[in-house]
Amino acid sequence: MNAYSHTHLKCDLFGVSHFHDRSHCLFNNRTWSASHVPDIIGTSHLNRRGYTSTTISYQVMEHMQTNVVAKEYSDDLPITSSYESAMEALSSLITHKKRGDTSSVGGKYGKLERMSIYLKILGLEEKIDGLRIIHVAGTKGKGSTCTICEAILRECGFRTGLFTSPHLIDVRERFRINGLDITEDRFLPYFWSCWSQLEEKVTEDLPMPPLFQFLTLLALKIFICEQVDVAIIEVGLGGKRDSTNVINKPVVCGITSLGMDHIEALGNTLGQIASQKAGIFKPHVPAFVVPQLPEAMDVIHEVAEGLAVPLGVVPPLDCEKMDGFKLSLSGDHQSINAGLAVALSKCWLQRTGNWEKLFRKQEILEGDLPEPFRRGLSTAHLSGRAQIVYDTSLKSYNSSKEPERSSGDLIFYLDGAHSPESMEVCGRWFSTAVKGNQKTSSRLRVENAEQVLGNGHIQYGSGKMEEPYETSKQILLFNCMEVRDPQALLPRLVNTCVSSGIHFSKALFVPSMSSYSKVTSAASVIPENFSRDLSWQFKLQRFWEKMIHGNVL
């Protein structure tokens, strides 16, 4: 969005693959080994050359704070092919249906009925309850809320599974075990096991599941086989008819902030949307919701009352309760998500009998946060949401010294806002962050920022840059899909920034590097002759020009 020298905001744009170079633990067929590798050395390319398995058993190394725990899982896993082959298989599940199209994918079964059949085929139907699930729906903030829940419960000592969507670069981002994206080595056997079992049962009435249904099934398979203590599941779209609503016995449910989004699928009033979101409620299962507009809250209360659901309305987190810790996710709106995550995590601990076990010797007053909660709130990380990344041109790099700055430095302010309400929130976060940077005279310190090193590796932690430039430009780098309405998005963003004294000197409208028709990996090579139809981007540009010249109401 903005920064020193040249600055970019990415709204709904996630396509810079070198931002996501990751290091993995290395596994062979029967034993695992791990060595300490400097952060600047990426090892993920070793896993991207393809993986084959001729054994049934493998071991998984789990890092929880300073402990290393080995767990073994045995299953009849097929010989797997390369990761790219798996992505090609996934791509074949894309249906190209438009949102709001409620027609059946095929056969006589509805979506949730099909999901139940798929679970039976995979042998998972009776095992789901053992995952002890936290199920979260909402328009805005559900990914952040789920991520914070995962971090809190992991800090409490539990083995966690997290399923979120969408992914930014690689589909494995959707599946986290103990805070880490599942590695290719672990992903592939689970993938091909699910694929082969479902493919064997395909009929005219029961086709292969569409993409998101398959990924939901795969997440449940992974979490069951990885023997997680808790699974945090983010709803994909809506709630009542979402593929994740095959979950019948969650431990607790949550609803984040609601707004007007996906109206073609969920309804064109806030009440209709609230009804869809509250569709994840289950009889007598506690649920928590953040404050909503009366139209939405009335519907949520009505659904909860009909199912005898104990419903709690959760206020934003009082950051004074953090006792020296700071929320790791940036933006004032994150206090709303954090408050909900705390309530969900506490309820989960209480209902599973773990609250007393963990904290019975401590005197925790009502409203106080135990230390594991504070640690989780201060360490949760979610890429592409109010994220600050330095892209620095390096003259030289020495692992024992800070990199030298050269000209052409950029600071990227990244956010995936895509609804009118979230665009306004994004604008407030961006304006606050930029004004904070501009007030720094001798050094620029941005907590919770990330720095892109010369090899593309992200160095997490506090960003430190010497001698900020005297002048900076705010440049908007904007991407949105054609299903979005730029007239509802851009004015909310720009007006919010202008009201804070932040102005864009230029706007760039860019196409997506990803495709509706193909699932790609982080290792996928962008062709040199990469081209897109830019007619939509030119339309955005024309709207922008009318807007800045005052021709848009």
Protein backbone atom coordinates (compact mmCIF):
# COMPACT_ATOMS: atom_id res chain seq x y z
CA MET A 1 0.00 0.00 0.00
CA ASN A 2 2.66 2.48 1.01
CA ALA A 3 6.15 2.82 2.35
CA TYR A 4 9.44 4.60 2.24
CA SER A 5 10.79 5.24 -1.23
CA HIS A 6 8.25 3.08 -3.06
CA THR A 7 5.33 1.47 -1.30
CA HIS A 8 2.65 -0.97 -2.34
CA LEU A 9 -0.59 -2.18 -0.86
CA LYS A 10 -1.72 -5.52 -2.11
CA CYS A 11 -5.46 -5.96 -1.77
CA ASP A 12 -6.67 -9.43 -2.68
CA LEU A 13 -3.36 -10.05 -4.44
CA PHE A 14 -1.26 -13.00 -3.38
CA GLY A 15 1.24 -14.02 -5.98
CA VAL A 16 4.87 -13.33 -5.09
CA SER A 17 6.22 -16.82 -4.77
CA HIS A 18 9.65 -15.94 -3.42
CA PHE A 19 7.99 -14.55 -0.29
CA HIS A 20 7.13 -18.09 0.72
CA ASP A 21 10.33 -20.09 0.51
CA ARG A 22 10.21 -22.46 3.47
CA SER A 23 12.54 -24.87 5.18
CA HIS A 24 11.30 -28.37 5.92
CA CYS A 25 12.40 -31.26 8.07
CA LEU A 26 13.86 -33.95 5.81
CA PHE A 27 12.47 -37.48 5.84
CA ASN A 28 13.54 -40.71 4.20
CA ASN A 29 11.63 -43.96 3.91
CA ARG A 30 12.17 -45.30 7.42
CA THR A 31 13.97 -42.80 9.60
CA TRP A 32 13.95 -39.05 9.98
CA SER A 33 16.73 -36.66 10.65
CA ALA A 34 16.88 -32.95 11.25
CA SER A 35 19.80 -30.61 11.25
CA HIS A 36 20.04 -26.96 12.15
CA VAL A 37 20.16 -25.03 8.90
CA PRO A 38 20.82 -21.29 8.82
CA ASP A 39 17.70 -19.28 8.07
CA ILE A 40 19.21 -17.91 4.90
CA ILE A 41 19.52 -21.36 3.34
CA GLY A 42 16.23 -22.60 1.89
CA THR A 43 15.87 -26.38 1.80
CA SER A 44 12.39 -26.61 0.33
CA HIS A 45 13.79 -27.21 -3.15
CA LEU A 46 14.92 -30.63 -1.94
CA ASN A 47 11.30 -31.59 -1.37
CA ARG A 48 10.04 -30.18 -4.65
CA ARG A 49 11.89 -32.59 -6.93
CA GLY A 50 9.26 -35.27 -6.37
CA TYR A 51 8.74 -37.84 -3.65
CA THR A 52 8.31 -41.60 -3.76
CA SER A 53 7.48 -43.93 -0.92
CA THR A 54 7.93 -47.68 -0.84
CA THR A 55 7.19 -48.12 2.85
CA ILE A 56 4.01 -48.16 4.87
CA SER A 57 5.36 -46.49 7.99
CA TYR A 58 6.96 -43.11 8.51
CA GLN A 59 7.80 -40.91 11.42
CA VAL A 60 6.83 -37.32 11.96
CA MET A 61 8.94 -34.90 13.92
CA GLU A 62 7.01 -32.41 15.95
CA HIS A 63 8.46 -29.25 17.45
CA MET A 64 6.70 -27.88 20.53
CA GLN A 65 8.79 -25.17 22.16
CA THR A 66 12.06 -26.97 23.00
CA ASN A 67 10.75 -30.52 22.88
CA VAL A 68 11.07 -32.94 20.00
CA VAL A 69 8.50 -35.70 19.90
CA ALA A 70 8.38 -38.57 17.40
CA LYS A 71 5.08 -40.12 16.45
CA GLU A 72 4.52 -42.99 14.09
CA TYR A 73 1.51 -43.64 11.93
CA SER A 74 0.91 -46.75 9.83
CA ASP A 75 -1.52 -47.04 6.96
CA ASP A 76 -1.75 -48.68 3.58
CA LEU A 77 -0.36 -45.71 1.69
CA PRO A 78 0.18 -46.01 -2.05
CA ILE A 79 3.39 -45.21 -3.85
CA THR A 80 3.18 -41.48 -4.44
CA SER A 81 4.16 -39.47 -7.44
CA SER A 82 5.47 -35.97 -7.64
CA TYR A 83 3.89 -33.01 -5.93
CA GLU A 84 3.09 -31.43 -9.28
CA SER A 85 1.13 -34.54 -10.25
CA ALA A 86 -0.94 -34.09 -7.12
CA MET A 87 -1.61 -30.48 -8.11
CA GLU A 88 -2.74 -31.63 -11.55
CA ALA A 89 -5.10 -34.11 -9.93
CA LEU A 90 -6.50 -31.38 -7.68
CA SER A 91 -6.98 -29.11 -10.69
CA SER A 92 -9.27 -31.70 -12.27
CA LEU A 93 -11.70 -31.18 -9.36
CA ILE A 94 -12.34 -27.51 -10.19
CA THR A 95 -15.98 -27.31 -11.33
CA HIS A 96 -16.05 -23.73 -12.71
CA LYS A 97 -19.46 -23.27 -11.11
CA LYS A 98 -20.40 -19.70 -10.28
CA ARG A 99 -20.99 -18.74 -6.67
CA GLY A 100 -24.66 -18.97 -5.87
CA ASP A 101 -25.20 -21.88 -8.23
CA THR A 102 -26.93 -24.38 -5.96
CA SER A 103 -27.33 -27.07 -8.60
CA SER A 104 -25.94 -30.48 -7.72
CA VAL A 105 -22.48 -31.35 -8.99
CA GLY A 106 -23.87 -34.65 -10.18
CA GLY A 107 -26.11 -37.50 -9.15
CA LYS A 108 -29.00 -37.57 -6.73
CA TYR A 109 -27.23 -36.52 -3.53
CA GLY A 110 -27.01 -33.07 -1.98
CA LYS A 111 -23.65 -31.64 -0.90
CA LEU A 112 -23.72 -32.61 2.78
CA GLU A 113 -25.24 -36.00 2.02
CA ARG A 114 -22.39 -36.59 -0.44
CA MET A 115 -19.86 -35.47 2.16
CA SER A 116 -21.22 -38.04 4.62
CA ILE A 117 -20.86 -40.77 1.99
CA TYR A 118 -17.30 -39.68 1.23
CA LEU A 119 -16.46 -39.85 4.94
CA LYS A 120 -17.76 -43.42 5.09
CA ILE A 121 -15.64 -44.39 2.07
CA LEU A 122 -12.55 -42.96 3.78
CA GLY A 123 -13.40 -44.64 7.07
CA LEU A 124 -13.54 -41.31 8.89
CA GLU A 125 -17.21 -41.01 9.83
CA GLU A 126 -16.89 -42.36 13.36
CA LYS A 127 -13.49 -40.78 13.98
CA ILE A 128 -14.35 -37.11 13.45
CA ASP A 129 -15.71 -36.58 16.95
CA GLY A 130 -12.31 -37.56 18.34
CA LEU A 131 -10.81 -34.45 16.74
CA ARG A 132 -12.57 -32.26 19.35
CA ILE A 133 -13.25 -29.52 16.83
CA ILE A 134 -13.55 -25.74 17.10
CA HIS A 135 -15.73 -24.64 14.15
CA VAL A 136 -15.67 -20.97 13.07
CA ALA A 137 -17.81 -19.08 10.54
CA GLY A 138 -18.05 -15.39 9.68
CA THR A 139 -17.51 -12.79 6.99
CA LYS A 140 -14.38 -11.11 8.29
CA GLY A 141 -11.69 -12.34 10.65
CA LYS A 142 -12.46 -16.05 10.78
CA GLY A 143 -9.00 -17.00 9.48
CA SER A 144 -7.34 -14.74 12.06
CA THR A 145 -9.57 -16.06 14.84
CA CYS A 146 -8.77 -19.67 13.95
CA THR A 147 -5.06 -18.90 13.76
CA ILE A 148 -5.07 -17.28 17.21
CA CYS A 149 -7.01 -20.23 18.68
CA GLU A 150 -4.42 -22.60 17.25
CA ALA A 151 -1.53 -20.60 18.71
CA ILE A 152 -3.14 -20.39 22.16
CA LEU A 153 -3.90 -24.10 22.42
CA ARG A 154 -0.48 -25.03 21.05
CA GLU A 155 1.10 -22.87 23.74
CA CYS A 156 -1.04 -24.74 26.26
CA GLY A 157 0.78 -27.90 25.18
CA PHE A 158 -1.70 -29.48 22.78
CA ARG A 159 -1.01 -30.97 19.37
CA THR A 160 -3.00 -28.79 16.97
CA GLY A 161 -4.47 -29.07 13.50
CA LEU A 162 -5.59 -25.96 11.61
CA PHE A 163 -7.61 -25.91 8.37
CA THR A 164 -8.07 -22.51 6.72
CA SER A 165 -8.74 -21.12 3.26
CA PRO A 166 -7.83 -19.85 0.79
CA HIS A 167 -4.12 -20.47 0.40
CA LEU A 168 -1.82 -17.76 -0.92
CA ILE A 169 0.93 -19.63 -2.73
CA ASP A 170 0.76 -23.34 -1.97
CA VAL A 171 -2.24 -25.50 -1.12
CA ARG A 172 -0.36 -27.00 1.85
CA GLU A 173 -0.81 -23.68 3.67
CA ARG A 174 -4.38 -24.79 4.35
CA PHE A 175 -3.19 -27.66 6.56
CA ARG A 176 -1.10 -26.78 9.61
CA ILE A 177 0.16 -29.24 12.19
CA ASN A 178 1.46 -27.57 15.35
CA GLY A 179 1.68 -24.21 13.61
CA LEU A 180 3.61 -25.44 10.56
CA ASP A 181 2.35 -26.06 7.04
CA ILE A 182 2.31 -29.77 6.35
CA THR A 183 5.41 -30.80 4.39
CA GLU A 184 5.23 -32.34 0.94
CA ASP A 185 6.55 -35.62 2.35
CA ARG A 186 3.63 -35.88 4.75
CA PHE A 187 1.04 -34.35 2.43
CA LEU A 188 1.51 -36.69 -0.53
CA PRO A 189 0.72 -40.06 1.12
CA TYR A 190 -2.43 -38.63 2.68
CA PHE A 191 -3.45 -37.03 -0.61
CA TRP A 192 -3.05 -40.15 -2.75
CA SER A 193 -4.65 -42.34 -0.09
CA CYS A 194 -7.80 -40.17 -0.15
CA TRP A 195 -7.69 -39.86 -3.93
CA SER A 196 -7.44 -43.58 -4.64
CA GLN A 197 -10.16 -44.57 -2.14
CA LEU A 198 -12.63 -42.04 -3.53
CA GLU A 199 -11.77 -42.71 -7.16
CA GLU A 200 -12.52 -46.42 -6.70
CA LYS A 201 -16.08 -45.60 -5.61
CA VAL A 202 -16.95 -43.09 -8.35
CA THR A 203 -20.37 -43.62 -9.95
CA GLU A 204 -22.74 -41.49 -12.01
CA ASP A 205 -24.56 -40.55 -8.81
CA LEU A 206 -21.37 -40.11 -6.79
CA PRO A 207 -18.65 -38.29 -8.77
CA MET A 208 -15.31 -37.22 -7.34
CA PRO A 209 -15.85 -34.39 -4.84
CA PRO A 210 -15.28 -30.83 -6.09
CA LEU A 211 -12.08 -29.09 -4.98
CA PHE A 212 -13.10 -27.61 -1.62
CA GLN A 213 -15.03 -30.72 -0.59
CA PHE A 214 -11.96 -32.84 -1.32
CA LEU A 215 -9.69 -30.48 0.63
CA THR A 216 -12.08 -30.60 3.59
CA LEU A 217 -12.06 -34.40 3.54
CA LEU A 218 -8.28 -34.36 3.22
CA ALA A 219 -7.97 -32.04 6.24
CA LEU A 220 -10.06 -34.38 8.38
CA LYS A 221 -7.99 -37.35 7.17
CA ILE A 222 -4.71 -35.58 7.97
CA PHE A 223 -5.79 -34.46 11.43
CA ILE A 224 -7.13 -37.88 12.39
CA CYS A 225 -3.99 -39.67 11.20
CA GLU A 226 -1.71 -37.09 12.82
CA GLN A 227 -3.56 -37.65 16.09
CA VAL A 228 -4.07 -33.99 16.86
CA ASP A 229 -5.60 -33.06 20.22
CA VAL A 230 -7.71 -30.30 18.69
CA ALA A 231 -8.75 -29.39 15.14
CA ILE A 232 -9.64 -25.78 14.36
CA ILE A 233 -11.79 -25.68 11.23
CA GLU A 234 -12.59 -22.50 9.29
CA VAL A 235 -15.79 -22.49 7.24
CA GLY A 236 -15.19 -22.03 3.52
CA LEU A 237 -18.34 -20.14 2.48
CA GLY A 238 -21.41 -19.40 4.57
CA GLY A 239 -21.95 -22.17 7.07
CA LYS A 240 -25.26 -24.01 6.78
CA ARG A 241 -24.46 -25.53 3.37
CA ASP A 242 -20.68 -25.41 3.64
CA SER A 243 -18.69 -28.62 3.18
CA THR A 244 -17.24 -28.27 6.69
CA ASN A 245 -20.74 -28.51 8.17
CA VAL A 246 -20.47 -32.27 7.93
CA ILE A 247 -19.04 -31.82 11.45
CA ASN A 248 -21.88 -32.85 13.75
CA LYS A 249 -20.33 -32.71 17.22
CA PRO A 250 -17.93 -29.79 17.59
CA VAL A 251 -16.77 -28.83 21.06
CA VAL A 252 -17.57 -25.15 20.48
CA CYS A 253 -18.60 -22.89 17.58
CA GLY A 254 -17.83 -19.25 16.80
CA ILE A 255 -19.06 -16.49 14.49
CA THR A 256 -16.82 -13.55 13.62
CA SER A 257 -17.90 -10.14 12.28
CA LEU A 258 -20.57 -10.28 9.58
CA GLY A 259 -20.93 -8.11 6.50
CA MET A 260 -22.35 -8.01 2.99
CA ASP A 261 -20.24 -10.50 1.06
CA HIS A 262 -21.02 -13.47 -1.20
CA ILE A 263 -24.60 -12.21 -1.46
CA GLU A 264 -25.16 -14.27 -4.60
CA ALA A 265 -24.76 -17.40 -2.49
CA LEU A 266 -25.82 -16.35 1.01
CA GLY A 267 -28.59 -13.79 0.50
CA ASN A 268 -28.83 -10.06 -0.04
CA THR A 269 -29.66 -9.01 3.52
CA LEU A 270 -27.57 -9.17 6.66
CA GLY A 271 -30.25 -11.28 8.31
CA GLN A 272 -30.11 -13.90 5.56
CA ILE A 273 -26.33 -14.00 5.76
CA ALA A 274 -26.47 -14.37 9.55
CA SER A 275 -28.86 -17.30 9.16
CA GLN A 276 -26.36 -19.07 6.91
CA LYS A 277 -23.47 -18.43 9.30
CA ALA A 278 -25.44 -19.63 12.32
CA GLY A 279 -26.13 -22.82 10.37
CA ILE A 280 -23.01 -24.32 11.97
CA PHE A 281 -24.67 -24.28 15.42
CA LYS A 282 -25.39 -27.73 16.84
CA PRO A 283 -27.93 -28.61 19.56
CA HIS A 284 -26.67 -27.82 23.07
CA VAL A 285 -23.13 -27.03 21.82
CA PRO A 286 -21.86 -23.67 23.19
CA ALA A 287 -21.29 -20.88 20.69
CA PHE A 288 -19.67 -17.46 20.87
CA VAL A 289 -20.19 -14.46 18.62
CA VAL A 290 -18.66 -10.99 18.40
CA PRO A 291 -20.99 -7.96 18.58
CA GLN A 292 -23.07 -7.62 15.41
CA LEU A 293 -25.57 -5.17 13.97
CA PRO A 294 -29.08 -5.77 15.38
CA GLU A 295 -30.39 -7.29 12.13
CA ALA A 296 -27.74 -10.01 12.30
CA MET A 297 -27.74 -10.46 16.08
CA ASP A 298 -31.50 -11.02 16.22
CA VAL A 299 -31.24 -13.89 13.72
CA ILE A 300 -28.26 -15.46 15.52
CA HIS A 301 -30.14 -15.36 18.85
CA GLU A 302 -33.19 -16.92 17.20
CA VAL A 303 -31.18 -19.81 15.73
CA ALA A 304 -29.36 -20.37 19.03
CA GLU A 305 -32.61 -20.41 21.01
CA GLY A 306 -34.16 -22.94 18.63
CA LEU A 307 -31.26 -25.35 19.16
CA ALA A 308 -30.84 -24.71 22.90
CA VAL A 309 -27.37 -23.37 22.20
CA PRO A 310 -25.68 -21.50 25.08
CA LEU A 311 -24.67 -18.28 23.28
CA GLY A 312 -22.08 -15.80 24.48
CA VAL A 313 -21.45 -12.36 22.98
CA VAL A 314 -17.75 -11.61 23.35
CA PRO A 315 -16.33 -8.07 23.64
CA PRO A 316 -13.01 -7.14 22.02
CA LEU A 317 -9.91 -8.18 23.95
CA ASP A 318 -8.74 -5.67 26.52
CA CYS A 319 -5.07 -5.40 25.56
CA GLU A 320 -4.21 -4.28 29.09
CA LYS A 321 -4.80 -7.92 30.05
CA MET A 322 -1.79 -8.87 27.89
CA ASP A 323 0.58 -7.87 30.72
CA GLY A 324 3.50 -6.73 28.59
CA PHE A 325 2.75 -8.93 25.58
CA LYS A 326 1.50 -7.46 22.30
CA LEU A 327 -0.93 -8.85 19.75
CA SER A 328 1.12 -10.27 16.89
CA LEU A 329 -1.57 -9.68 14.25
CA SER A 330 -1.63 -6.01 13.29
CA GLY A 331 -4.67 -3.76 13.12
CA ASP A 332 -7.12 -2.46 15.70
CA HIS A 333 -9.74 -4.91 14.39
CA GLN A 334 -7.66 -7.85 15.60
CA SER A 335 -8.72 -7.15 19.19
CA ILE A 336 -12.21 -8.29 18.11
CA ASN A 337 -10.86 -11.53 16.66
CA ALA A 338 -8.56 -12.04 19.64
CA GLY A 339 -11.44 -11.67 22.10
CA LEU A 340 -13.41 -14.36 20.27
CA ALA A 341 -10.36 -16.64 20.05
CA VAL A 342 -9.79 -16.37 23.81
CA ALA A 343 -13.42 -17.27 24.53
CA LEU A 344 -13.35 -20.23 22.14
CA SER A 345 -10.05 -21.53 23.52
CA LYS A 346 -11.16 -21.23 27.14
CA CYS A 347 -14.46 -22.97 26.40
CA TRP A 348 -12.63 -25.78 24.58
CA LEU A 349 -10.29 -26.27 27.55
CA GLN A 350 -13.20 -26.31 29.99
CA ARG A 351 -15.39 -28.71 27.99
CA THR A 352 -12.52 -31.15 27.41
CA GLY A 353 -11.58 -31.14 31.10
CA ASN A 354 -8.22 -29.47 30.55
CA TRP A 355 -8.74 -26.05 32.14
CA GLU A 356 -8.55 -27.37 35.70
CA LYS A 357 -5.63 -29.65 34.85
CA LEU A 358 -3.59 -26.76 33.45
CA PHE A 359 -4.50 -23.91 35.75
CA ARG A 360 -5.91 -25.39 38.98
CA LYS A 361 -2.80 -24.37 40.92
CA GLN A 362 -2.99 -20.81 39.64
CA GLU A 363 -5.35 -18.16 40.88
CA ILE A 364 -6.75 -16.77 37.64
CA LEU A 365 -9.27 -14.01 38.18
CA GLU A 366 -12.25 -13.62 35.86
CA GLY A 367 -11.06 -11.89 32.69
CA ASP A 368 -7.36 -12.50 33.32
CA LEU A 369 -5.29 -14.28 30.71
CA PRO A 370 -3.08 -17.25 31.62
CA GLU A 371 0.48 -16.96 30.34
CA PRO A 372 0.02 -19.57 27.54
CA PHE A 373 -2.86 -17.45 26.24
CA ARG A 374 -0.69 -14.33 26.21
CA ARG A 375 2.09 -16.21 24.42
CA GLY A 376 -0.33 -17.49 21.79
CA LEU A 377 -1.82 -14.05 21.23
CA SER A 378 1.65 -12.57 20.79
CA THR A 379 3.01 -15.22 18.40
CA ALA A 380 0.12 -16.11 16.06
CA HIS A 381 1.09 -15.52 12.45
CA LEU A 382 -1.06 -15.36 9.31
CA SER A 383 0.45 -14.27 6.02
CA GLY A 384 -1.33 -11.73 3.85
CA ARG A 385 -3.38 -10.16 6.62
CA ALA A 386 -2.13 -6.73 7.68
CA GLN A 387 1.37 -7.98 6.92
CA ILE A 388 4.44 -5.77 6.49
CA VAL A 389 7.30 -7.11 4.39
CA TYR A 390 10.59 -5.44 3.53
CA ASP A 391 11.96 -6.10 0.06
CA THR A 392 15.54 -4.89 0.30
CA SER A 393 18.17 -4.78 -2.42
CA LEU A 394 21.31 -6.08 -0.73
CA LYS A 395 24.82 -4.99 -1.57
CA SER A 396 26.20 -7.86 0.46
CA TYR A 397 25.06 -10.34 3.03
CA ASN A 398 26.91 -11.70 6.03
CA SER A 399 25.03 -14.02 8.40
CA SER A 400 26.64 -12.31 11.39
CA LYS A 401 25.70 -8.80 10.30
CA GLU A 402 22.63 -6.92 9.20
CA PRO A 403 22.28 -6.56 5.43
CA GLU A 404 23.39 -3.27 3.90
CA ARG A 405 20.72 -1.13 2.32
CA SER A 406 20.97 0.00 -1.23
CA SER A 407 18.71 2.21 -3.31
CA GLY A 408 15.33 1.00 -4.47
CA ASP A 409 14.06 -0.28 -1.11
CA LEU A 410 10.39 -1.16 -0.86
CA ILE A 411 8.09 -1.82 2.03
CA PHE A 412 5.04 -3.86 1.10
CA TYR A 413 1.90 -3.43 3.18
CA LEU A 414 -0.13 -6.51 2.31
CA ASP A 415 -3.75 -7.27 3.02
CA GLY A 416 -6.40 -9.47 1.46
CA ALA A 417 -9.38 -7.21 2.15
CA HIS A 418 -12.22 -7.92 -0.28
CA SER A 419 -15.43 -6.58 1.26
CA PRO A 420 -16.45 -2.93 1.77
CA GLU A 421 -16.15 -3.23 5.54
CA SER A 422 -12.75 -4.92 5.44
CA MET A 423 -11.44 -2.35 2.95
CA GLU A 424 -12.19 0.35 5.50
CA VAL A 425 -10.45 -1.64 8.22
CA CYS A 426 -7.50 -2.17 5.89
CA GLY A 427 -7.31 1.56 5.18
CA ARG A 428 -7.21 2.40 8.89
CA TRP A 429 -4.46 -0.16 9.54
CA PHE A 430 -2.39 1.05 6.59
CA SER A 431 -2.74 4.72 7.47
CA THR A 432 -1.73 4.10 11.07
CA ALA A 433 1.27 2.00 10.04
CA VAL A 434 2.51 4.53 7.49
CA LYS A 435 2.11 7.52 9.80
CA GLY A 436 4.00 5.62 12.47
CA ASN A 437 6.85 4.99 10.05
CA GLN A 438 6.99 8.59 8.91
CA LYS A 439 7.39 9.83 12.49
CA THR A 440 10.58 7.84 12.94
CA SER A 441 13.51 10.16 12.35
CA SER A 442 16.74 8.22 12.75
CA ARG A 443 15.71 4.57 12.59
CA LEU A 444 12.74 2.71 11.24
CA ARG A 445 11.53 -0.06 13.52
CA VAL A 446 8.39 -1.96 12.67
CA GLU A 447 7.50 -4.70 15.12
CA ASN A 448 6.05 -7.90 13.71
CA ALA A 449 7.44 -7.06 10.26
CA GLU A 450 9.24 -9.40 7.91
CA GLN A 451 12.28 -8.74 5.80
CA VAL A 452 12.89 -10.36 2.43
CA LEU A 453 16.56 -11.29 2.16
CA GLY A 454 18.50 -11.52 -1.06
CA ASN A 455 17.63 -15.17 -1.58
CA GLY A 456 13.91 -14.55 -1.13
CA HIS A 457 13.75 -15.97 2.40
CA ILE A 458 11.58 -14.08 4.88
CA GLN A 459 13.30 -13.17 8.14
CA TYR A 460 10.58 -12.90 10.79
CA GLY A 461 10.72 -10.54 13.71
CA SER A 462 11.31 -6.85 14.16
CA GLY A 463 12.35 -5.08 11.01
CA LYS A 464 15.29 -2.69 11.41
CA MET A 465 16.24 -0.26 8.69
CA GLU A 466 18.81 2.50 8.94
CA GLU A 467 18.38 6.05 7.63
CA PRO A 468 14.85 6.20 6.18
CA TYR A 469 14.49 8.25 3.05
CA GLU A 470 13.36 11.83 3.42
CA THR A 471 10.51 11.30 0.97
CA SER A 472 8.20 8.41 0.35
CA LYS A 473 5.47 7.60 -2.12
CA GLN A 474 2.28 5.73 -1.51
CA ILE A 475 1.50 3.44 -4.43
CA LEU A 476 -1.62 1.29 -4.56
CA LEU A 477 -1.09 -2.13 -6.11
CA PHE A 478 -4.61 -3.46 -6.47
CA ASN A 479 -6.10 -6.74 -7.59
CA CYS A 480 -9.67 -7.92 -7.34
CA MET A 481 -11.66 -10.59 -9.11
CA GLU A 482 -14.41 -9.72 -11.56
CA VAL A 483 -17.05 -11.03 -9.16
CA ARG A 484 -16.18 -8.09 -6.88
CA ASP A 485 -17.61 -4.59 -7.25
CA PRO A 486 -14.80 -2.00 -7.38
CA GLN A 487 -17.34 0.77 -6.83
CA ALA A 488 -18.02 -0.71 -3.39
CA LEU A 489 -14.37 -1.38 -2.56
CA LEU A 490 -12.07 1.38 -3.82
CA PRO A 491 -13.94 4.42 -2.43
CA ARG A 492 -14.05 2.88 1.06
CA LEU A 493 -10.30 2.29 0.98
CA VAL A 494 -9.31 5.64 -0.49
CA ASN A 495 -11.67 7.75 1.62
CA THR A 496 -10.45 6.06 4.80
CA CYS A 497 -6.84 6.80 3.89
CA VAL A 498 -7.58 10.39 2.85
CA SER A 499 -9.37 11.07 6.13
CA SER A 500 -6.13 10.08 7.87
CA GLY A 501 -4.00 12.31 5.64
CA ILE A 502 -2.63 9.49 3.48
CA HIS A 503 -2.78 9.92 -0.30
CA PHE A 504 -1.81 7.59 -3.14
CA SER A 505 0.45 9.06 -5.80
CA LYS A 506 -0.18 6.22 -8.21
CA ALA A 507 -2.38 3.15 -8.63
CA LEU A 508 -1.44 -0.04 -10.45
CA PHE A 509 -4.12 -2.56 -11.37
CA VAL A 510 -2.73 -6.02 -11.88
CA PRO A 511 -4.13 -9.41 -12.93
CA SER A 512 -3.89 -12.53 -10.83
CA MET A 513 -0.95 -14.82 -11.44
CA SER A 514 -3.09 -17.71 -10.24
CA SER A 515 -5.81 -19.31 -12.31
CA TYR A 516 -9.36 -20.53 -11.77
CA SER A 517 -8.55 -23.65 -13.77
CA LYS A 518 -5.35 -24.91 -12.16
CA VAL A 519 -3.95 -25.48 -8.68
CA THR A 520 -0.26 -24.61 -8.63
CA SER A 521 2.50 -25.05 -6.08
CA ALA A 522 5.11 -22.67 -4.72
CA ALA A 523 7.61 -24.37 -7.01
CA SER A 524 5.57 -23.77 -10.16
CA VAL A 525 7.52 -21.77 -12.72
CA ILE A 526 5.87 -18.70 -14.20
CA PRO A 527 6.38 -18.82 -17.98
CA GLU A 528 8.41 -16.04 -19.52
CA ASN A 529 5.60 -15.28 -21.94
CA PHE A 530 3.12 -14.96 -19.06
CA SER A 531 0.15 -12.96 -20.33
CA ARG A 532 -3.41 -12.19 -19.29
CA ASP A 533 -6.43 -10.47 -20.73
CA LEU A 534 -6.18 -7.02 -19.14
CA SER A 535 -9.64 -5.74 -20.08
CA TRP A 536 -10.79 -5.99 -16.44
CA GLN A 537 -7.71 -4.10 -15.23
CA PHE A 538 -8.36 -1.31 -17.76
CA LYS A 539 -11.93 -1.11 -16.48
CA LEU A 540 -10.59 -0.72 -12.94
CA GLN A 541 -8.22 1.97 -14.15
CA ARG A 542 -11.05 3.93 -15.77
CA PHE A 543 -13.10 3.73 -12.59
CA TRP A 544 -10.10 4.91 -10.56
CA GLU A 545 -9.58 7.92 -12.83
CA LYS A 546 -13.24 8.90 -12.54
CA MET A 547 -13.08 8.51 -8.78
CA ILE A 548 -10.00 10.66 -8.21
CA HIS A 549 -11.43 13.36 -10.47
CA GLY A 550 -14.60 13.48 -8.43
CA ASN A 551 -16.91 11.87 -10.97
CA VAL A 552 -17.98 9.01 -8.72
CA LEU A 553 -20.76 9.49 -6.19
